[in-house]
């Protein structure tokens, strides 16, 4: 049995056409797979960049929290020291170990209305606060210490947290 030449040519042409179609289909599948791989690589790159940004933001937040905590601890300790000093001073004044002296000056007799002559008093010593005004004085000292530490704490916060130097790349 012999196959005629036109049939053989037609058969070879048909086989070649089927091989071309199969090869083209395999090439399309390969191109699609390469495209998906490239898209996945690009997406991985963007996810990696996003992850790096989030890690940097977390690092900056940690540094800011640490700076804030350090400022808070420092100012709290200084405030407690000032309040303790005020309490010890108040106890010393109450016990009589120290006196609470006030700079004062007596006005002249001409400043008093209706005074006709210059009067004088015996020198009784330095002026001192009345006993009922002492507690107000120490309350004011405590409030002054608190206000001072609040202002210093806010200044430290602004210097170290708000106006922090830019992040290093």
Protein backbone atom coordinates (compact mmCIF):
# COMPACT_ATOMS: atom_id res chain seq x y z
CA UNK A 1 0.00 0.00 0.00
CA UNK A 2 1.39 3.17 -1.07
CA UNK A 3 0.19 6.59 -0.19
CA UNK A 4 -0.07 9.03 -2.98
CA UNK A 5 2.05 12.12 -2.92
CA UNK A 6 -0.83 14.65 -2.63
CA UNK A 7 -2.31 12.68 0.27
CA UNK A 8 1.07 12.56 1.99
CA UNK A 9 1.50 16.30 1.47
CA UNK A 10 -1.98 16.95 2.80
CA UNK A 11 -1.32 14.67 5.79
CA UNK A 12 2.01 16.44 6.55
CA UNK A 13 0.36 19.83 6.16
CA UNK A 14 -2.41 18.80 8.55
CA UNK A 15 0.10 17.47 11.11
CA UNK A 16 2.17 20.66 10.78
CA UNK A 17 -0.93 22.79 11.27
CA UNK A 18 -1.92 20.85 14.41
CA UNK A 19 1.63 21.12 15.79
CA UNK A 20 1.60 24.86 15.11
CA UNK A 21 -1.76 25.28 16.91
CA UNK A 22 -0.58 23.22 19.90
CA UNK A 23 2.74 25.12 20.03
CA UNK A 24 0.88 28.45 19.81
CA UNK A 25 -1.44 27.37 22.64
CA UNK A 26 1.51 26.33 24.79
CA UNK A 27 3.25 29.65 24.00
CA UNK A 28 0.09 31.57 25.02
CA UNK A 29 -0.10 29.63 28.28
CA UNK A 30 3.57 30.39 28.92
CA UNK A 31 3.03 34.10 28.18
CA UNK A 32 0.01 34.18 30.51
CA UNK A 33 1.98 32.46 33.27
CA UNK A 34 4.88 34.91 32.82
CA UNK A 35 2.43 37.85 32.94
CA UNK A 36 0.86 36.52 36.16
CA UNK A 37 4.31 36.00 37.63
CA UNK A 38 5.35 39.56 36.75
CA UNK A 39 2.13 40.93 38.27
CA UNK A 40 2.75 38.92 41.43
CA UNK A 41 6.33 40.24 41.62
CA UNK A 42 5.08 43.83 41.20
CA UNK A 43 2.42 43.25 43.87
CA UNK A 44 5.02 41.73 46.17
CA UNK A 45 7.21 44.80 45.63
CA UNK A 46 4.37 47.15 46.55
CA UNK A 47 3.49 45.03 49.59
CA UNK A 48 7.14 45.05 50.64
CA UNK A 49 7.27 48.83 50.25
CA UNK A 50 4.07 49.17 52.28
CA UNK A 51 5.45 46.84 54.95
CA UNK A 52 8.67 48.86 55.13
CA UNK A 53 6.64 52.07 55.51
CA UNK A 54 4.59 50.55 58.32
CA UNK A 55 7.71 49.30 60.07
CA UNK A 56 9.24 52.77 59.85
CA UNK A 57 6.05 54.34 61.21
CA UNK A 58 6.08 51.85 64.10
CA UNK A 59 9.72 52.66 64.84
CA UNK A 60 9.02 56.40 64.86
CA UNK A 61 6.01 55.88 67.12
CA UNK A 62 8.12 53.82 69.52
CA UNK A 63 10.77 56.55 69.63
CA UNK A 64 8.17 59.25 70.22
CA UNK A 65 6.53 57.24 73.01
CA UNK A 66 9.90 56.57 74.63
CA UNK A 67 10.80 60.28 74.47
CA UNK A 68 7.42 61.23 75.92
CA UNK A 69 7.76 58.68 78.73
CA UNK A 70 11.29 59.88 79.55
CA UNK A 71 10.11 63.52 79.67
CA UNK A 72 7.15 62.56 81.83
CA UNK A 73 9.31 60.61 84.27
CA UNK A 74 11.89 63.41 84.52
CA UNK A 75 9.30 66.12 85.12
CA UNK A 76 7.31 63.99 87.57
CA UNK A 77 10.44 63.34 89.61
CA UNK A 78 11.34 67.04 89.61
CA UNK A 79 7.78 67.96 90.64
CA UNK A 80 7.82 65.42 93.46
CA UNK A 81 11.17 66.79 94.66
CA UNK A 82 9.82 70.36 94.64
CA UNK A 83 6.65 69.32 96.49
CA UNK A 84 8.69 67.36 99.06
CA UNK A 85 10.93 70.39 99.56
CA UNK A 86 7.86 72.58 100.11
CA UNK A 87 6.42 70.08 102.61
CA UNK A 88 9.66 69.91 104.57
CA UNK A 89 9.87 73.71 104.57
CA UNK A 90 6.28 73.93 105.79
CA UNK A 91 6.97 71.42 108.59
CA UNK A 92 10.07 73.36 109.59
CA UNK A 93 8.09 76.62 109.73
CA UNK A 94 5.26 74.93 111.66
CA UNK A 95 7.73 73.41 114.15
CA UNK A 96 9.48 76.75 114.59
CA UNK A 97 12.85 75.54 113.29
CA UNK A 98 12.65 78.12 110.51
CA UNK A 99 10.83 81.37 110.12
CA UNK A 100 8.94 82.57 107.12
CA UNK A 101 10.26 86.06 106.53
CA UNK A 102 8.77 88.57 104.15
CA UNK A 103 10.46 91.63 102.73
CA UNK A 104 8.31 94.54 103.88
CA UNK A 105 8.52 98.25 104.37
CA UNK A 106 6.43 100.43 106.63
CA UNK A 107 4.82 103.45 105.07
CA UNK A 108 5.54 106.91 106.46
CA UNK A 109 3.04 108.75 108.62
CA UNK A 110 2.19 111.16 105.81
CA UNK A 111 0.72 108.32 103.84
CA UNK A 112 -1.88 107.74 106.56
CA UNK A 113 -4.80 110.14 106.14
CA UNK A 114 -5.48 112.34 109.16
CA UNK A 115 -2.08 111.82 110.72
CA UNK A 116 -0.68 115.05 112.10
CA UNK A 117 2.63 114.05 113.51
CA UNK A 118 5.31 111.62 112.62
CA UNK A 119 4.89 108.55 114.66
CA UNK A 120 7.41 105.91 115.33
CA UNK A 121 7.32 102.35 116.58
CA UNK A 122 9.88 100.35 118.34
CA UNK A 123 11.88 98.13 116.04
CA UNK A 124 10.16 94.78 116.57
CA UNK A 125 12.21 92.76 114.11
CA UNK A 126 11.63 91.61 110.58
CA UNK A 127 8.13 91.33 109.20
CA UNK A 128 6.64 87.85 109.22
CA UNK A 129 3.52 86.31 107.71
CA UNK A 130 0.52 85.79 109.92
CA UNK A 131 -0.14 82.20 110.89
CA UNK A 132 -3.31 81.93 108.80
CA UNK A 133 -1.51 83.25 105.69
CA UNK A 134 1.23 80.59 105.91
CA UNK A 135 -0.95 77.80 104.53
CA UNK A 136 -1.94 80.00 101.61
CA UNK A 137 1.74 80.75 100.99
CA UNK A 138 2.63 77.06 100.83
CA UNK A 139 -0.37 76.30 98.63
CA UNK A 140 0.85 78.98 96.25
CA UNK A 141 4.36 77.50 96.32
CA UNK A 142 2.97 74.06 95.46
CA UNK A 143 0.87 75.48 92.63
CA UNK A 144 3.87 77.42 91.35
CA UNK A 145 6.00 74.23 91.36
CA UNK A 146 3.23 72.34 89.54
CA UNK A 147 2.78 75.08 86.93
CA UNK A 148 6.54 75.36 86.41
CA UNK A 149 6.89 71.61 85.81
CA UNK A 150 3.89 71.63 83.48
CA UNK A 151 5.46 74.39 81.37
CA UNK A 152 8.86 72.69 81.36
CA UNK A 153 7.24 69.37 80.49
CA UNK A 154 5.34 70.88 77.58
CA UNK A 155 8.50 72.60 76.34
CA UNK A 156 10.38 69.28 76.49
CA UNK A 157 7.50 67.55 74.69
CA UNK A 158 7.52 70.13 71.91
CA UNK A 159 11.32 69.95 71.58
CA UNK A 160 11.64 66.16 71.61
CA UNK A 161 8.38 64.86 70.15
CA UNK A 162 6.68 67.54 68.06
CA UNK A 163 9.80 69.14 66.59
CA UNK A 164 11.77 65.93 66.34
CA UNK A 165 14.41 65.75 63.63
CA UNK A 166 13.33 64.09 60.37
CA UNK A 167 13.58 60.31 60.16
CA UNK A 168 16.79 58.84 58.83
CA UNK A 169 16.29 56.84 55.61
